[in-house]
Amino acid sequence: MRRTHHPGPHLMHRLRHEDGAVTIPTLFWLPLFFMIMLAGVEMMVTNLRQILLERAVDVATRELRLGNLVNLTHDQLKQKICAAIRYVPDCTENLAVEIFPVDTTTWQFANTNGTMCTDSSSTTELNPTLDYGTSNQLMVVRACLKLKAMSDMDPLGAALVKDASGRFALVAMTAYVNEPRN
């Protein structure tokens, strides 16, 4: 009678080894953790840019409120705001600023067109409202800055609403009352 070699004990010994047991779960979970980290960094940078935009609009608004910046052009106002924002590339090309009064009887904006933002894929010229108002008038400054996401690979960057050029909008808005002027 011929005896065949039974692989049972040798195979069972190999199946009990735990070498490489961590590799499969690591390969499964590592991309997920990297996506979460990338989304966190994207959110941090986006929030930092929003804070910088809010601060820059507030700095420019102080000058407007005091009457120091009267009859500025749109480009001059953008340069004033962008001078206070650092670490934002192409700020003046991607920023749109509007100034308009608020009707204090109805509390409605005089500008009902919605937020005006730049669109680098369009050739139409921006025509923002720059109404500096009169003494003791309630005014609103609204700024829209278009930025590119750091990456479209993370869920946050992919979820942002973008225009045709791949930029998303950050909007800052503040109100002030013009100081009495002589």
Protein backbone atom coordinates (compact mmCIF):
# COMPACT_ATOMS: atom_id res chain seq x y z
CA MET A 1 0.00 0.00 0.00
CA ARG A 2 1.24 3.32 -0.95
CA ARG A 3 1.21 6.10 1.54
CA THR A 4 0.43 9.63 0.43
CA HIS A 5 1.74 12.62 2.23
CA HIS A 6 -1.04 14.40 4.08
CA PRO A 7 -0.54 18.23 4.10
CA GLY A 8 -2.83 18.71 7.09
CA PRO A 9 -0.35 19.38 9.93
CA HIS A 10 1.97 21.48 7.75
CA LEU A 11 -0.93 23.51 6.35
CA MET A 12 -2.43 24.05 9.79
CA HIS A 13 0.94 25.28 11.03
CA ARG A 14 1.08 27.84 8.20
CA LEU A 15 -2.47 29.03 8.80
CA ARG A 16 -1.69 29.76 12.44
CA HIS A 17 1.10 32.20 11.55
CA GLU A 18 0.12 35.83 11.98
CA ASP A 19 2.87 37.31 9.82
CA GLY A 20 1.39 40.04 7.61
CA ALA A 21 -1.99 39.96 9.33
CA VAL A 22 -1.93 43.74 9.79
CA THR A 23 -1.15 44.50 6.15
CA ILE A 24 -4.66 43.99 4.76
CA PRO A 25 -6.52 46.22 7.29
CA THR A 26 -3.78 48.84 6.99
CA LEU A 27 -4.15 48.95 3.22
CA PHE A 28 -7.89 49.28 3.68
CA TRP A 29 -7.92 52.04 6.34
CA LEU A 30 -4.82 54.09 5.44
CA PRO A 31 -6.36 55.86 2.40
CA LEU A 32 -9.40 56.76 4.49
CA PHE A 33 -7.24 58.30 7.21
CA PHE A 34 -5.22 60.25 4.61
CA MET A 35 -8.45 61.60 3.08
CA ILE A 36 -9.67 62.69 6.52
CA MET A 37 -6.33 64.41 7.22
CA LEU A 38 -6.31 66.11 3.81
CA ALA A 39 -9.90 67.32 4.33
CA GLY A 40 -8.89 68.68 7.75
CA VAL A 41 -5.98 70.62 6.27
CA GLU A 42 -8.24 71.92 3.47
CA MET A 43 -10.80 73.08 6.04
CA MET A 44 -8.10 74.76 8.13
CA VAL A 45 -6.69 76.67 5.14
CA THR A 46 -10.17 77.67 3.94
CA ASN A 47 -11.12 78.94 7.40
CA LEU A 48 -7.83 80.85 7.64
CA ARG A 49 -8.52 82.53 4.31
CA GLN A 50 -12.08 83.38 5.42
CA ILE A 51 -10.74 84.95 8.63
CA LEU A 52 -8.16 86.95 6.67
CA LEU A 53 -10.87 88.19 4.28
CA GLU A 54 -13.18 89.18 7.15
CA ARG A 55 -10.36 91.07 8.86
CA ALA A 56 -9.30 92.84 5.66
CA VAL A 57 -12.87 93.97 4.96
CA ASP A 58 -13.16 95.24 8.56
CA VAL A 59 -9.89 97.19 8.24
CA ALA A 60 -11.05 98.84 5.01
CA THR A 61 -14.48 99.49 6.52
CA ARG A 62 -12.95 101.44 9.40
CA GLU A 63 -11.44 103.84 6.90
CA LEU A 64 -14.74 104.08 4.99
CA ARG A 65 -16.72 104.75 8.17
CA LEU A 66 -14.46 107.63 9.12
CA GLY A 67 -14.76 109.12 5.64
CA ASN A 68 -11.05 108.72 4.88
CA LEU A 69 -11.73 106.65 1.76
CA VAL A 70 -14.25 108.55 -0.30
CA ASN A 71 -14.88 107.99 -4.00
CA LEU A 72 -12.40 105.17 -4.43
CA THR A 73 -12.56 103.16 -7.61
CA HIS A 74 -13.28 99.45 -7.45
CA ASP A 75 -9.62 98.63 -8.15
CA GLN A 76 -8.39 100.98 -5.42
CA LEU A 77 -10.79 99.44 -2.90
CA LYS A 78 -9.69 95.94 -3.90
CA GLN A 79 -6.04 96.94 -3.45
CA LYS A 80 -6.84 98.36 -0.01
CA ILE A 81 -8.50 95.10 1.05
CA CYS A 82 -5.85 92.88 -0.55
CA ALA A 83 -3.09 94.82 1.22
CA ALA A 84 -4.54 93.56 4.51
CA ILE A 85 -4.81 89.97 3.24
CA ARG A 86 -1.62 88.03 3.05
CA TYR A 87 -1.02 84.53 1.74
CA VAL A 88 -3.79 84.72 -0.86
CA PRO A 89 -2.47 84.53 -4.42
CA ASP A 90 -3.99 86.77 -7.12
CA CYS A 91 -6.20 88.57 -4.62
CA THR A 92 -6.96 91.66 -6.72
CA GLU A 93 -7.88 89.59 -9.79
CA ASN A 94 -10.27 87.34 -7.84
CA LEU A 95 -11.92 89.86 -5.51
CA ALA A 96 -15.17 91.76 -6.08
CA VAL A 97 -16.34 94.41 -3.60
CA GLU A 98 -19.71 96.13 -3.36
CA ILE A 99 -20.83 99.02 -1.15
CA PHE A 100 -24.50 99.89 -0.92
CA PRO A 101 -26.94 101.46 1.55
CA VAL A 102 -29.61 99.75 3.63
CA ASP A 103 -33.11 101.22 3.66
CA THR A 104 -33.76 101.67 7.40
CA THR A 105 -37.54 101.83 6.97
CA THR A 106 -37.81 98.35 5.43
CA TRP A 107 -34.35 97.01 6.40
CA GLN A 108 -33.84 95.87 2.83
CA PHE A 109 -30.60 96.06 0.90
CA ALA A 110 -30.57 98.59 -1.88
CA ASN A 111 -28.69 95.99 -3.91
CA THR A 112 -30.99 93.00 -4.40
CA ASN A 113 -28.94 91.32 -7.13
CA GLY A 114 -27.19 88.94 -4.74
CA THR A 115 -23.49 88.58 -4.17
CA MET A 116 -21.33 89.65 -7.10
CA CYS A 117 -18.25 87.50 -7.60
CA THR A 118 -15.55 87.40 -10.23
CA ASP A 119 -15.62 84.72 -12.91
CA SER A 120 -12.33 84.21 -14.70
CA SER A 121 -14.01 81.99 -17.31
CA SER A 122 -16.29 84.88 -18.36
CA THR A 123 -15.29 87.89 -20.44
CA THR A 124 -18.01 90.19 -19.11
CA GLU A 125 -16.81 93.19 -17.16
CA LEU A 126 -17.78 93.48 -13.49
CA ASN A 127 -19.96 96.44 -12.67
CA PRO A 128 -20.08 96.48 -8.86
CA THR A 129 -22.22 98.86 -6.84
CA LEU A 130 -20.02 101.43 -5.09
CA ASP A 131 -22.44 103.79 -3.35
CA TYR A 132 -20.54 105.43 -0.49
CA GLY A 133 -23.71 106.99 0.94
CA THR A 134 -24.20 110.15 2.95
CA SER A 135 -23.68 111.15 6.59
CA ASN A 136 -25.33 108.88 9.18
CA GLN A 137 -26.41 106.38 6.53
CA LEU A 138 -26.28 102.62 7.20
CA MET A 139 -24.03 100.98 4.62
CA VAL A 140 -23.08 97.39 3.76
CA VAL A 141 -19.75 96.25 2.37
CA ARG A 142 -19.81 92.84 0.70
CA ALA A 143 -16.65 91.22 -0.65
CA CYS A 144 -16.43 88.00 -2.63
CA LEU A 145 -13.06 86.30 -3.07
CA LYS A 146 -12.74 83.38 -5.49
CA LEU A 147 -10.13 80.76 -4.60
CA LYS A 148 -8.99 77.38 -5.84
CA ALA A 149 -9.26 74.41 -3.52
CA MET A 150 -5.98 72.84 -2.44
CA SER A 151 -7.03 69.48 -3.82
CA ASP A 152 -10.06 67.94 -5.48
CA MET A 153 -9.05 64.55 -4.12
CA ASP A 154 -10.33 65.18 -0.61
CA PRO A 155 -14.08 65.11 0.05
CA LEU A 156 -14.22 68.74 1.22
CA GLY A 157 -12.45 70.11 -1.85
CA ALA A 158 -14.69 68.04 -4.12
CA ALA A 159 -17.86 69.16 -2.30
CA LEU A 160 -17.22 72.90 -2.64
CA VAL A 161 -19.47 74.68 -5.15
CA LYS A 162 -17.17 75.88 -7.92
CA ASP A 163 -17.50 78.02 -11.02
CA ALA A 164 -16.35 77.05 -14.52
CA SER A 165 -12.73 77.91 -13.67
CA GLY A 166 -12.72 75.59 -10.63
CA ARG A 167 -12.84 78.35 -8.00
CA PHE A 168 -15.12 78.57 -4.97
CA ALA A 169 -16.36 81.76 -3.30
CA LEU A 170 -15.60 83.15 0.14
CA VAL A 171 -17.95 86.00 1.05
CA ALA A 172 -17.43 88.56 3.80
CA MET A 173 -20.04 91.14 4.69
CA THR A 174 -20.06 93.94 7.22
CA ALA A 175 -22.19 96.97 7.99
CA TYR A 176 -21.29 100.44 9.21
CA VAL A 177 -22.83 103.86 9.66
CA ASN A 178 -21.12 106.79 7.95
CA GLU A 179 -19.77 109.33 10.40
CA PRO A 180 -21.22 112.84 10.10
CA ARG A 181 -19.39 114.78 7.42
CA ASN A 182 -19.01 118.53 7.09
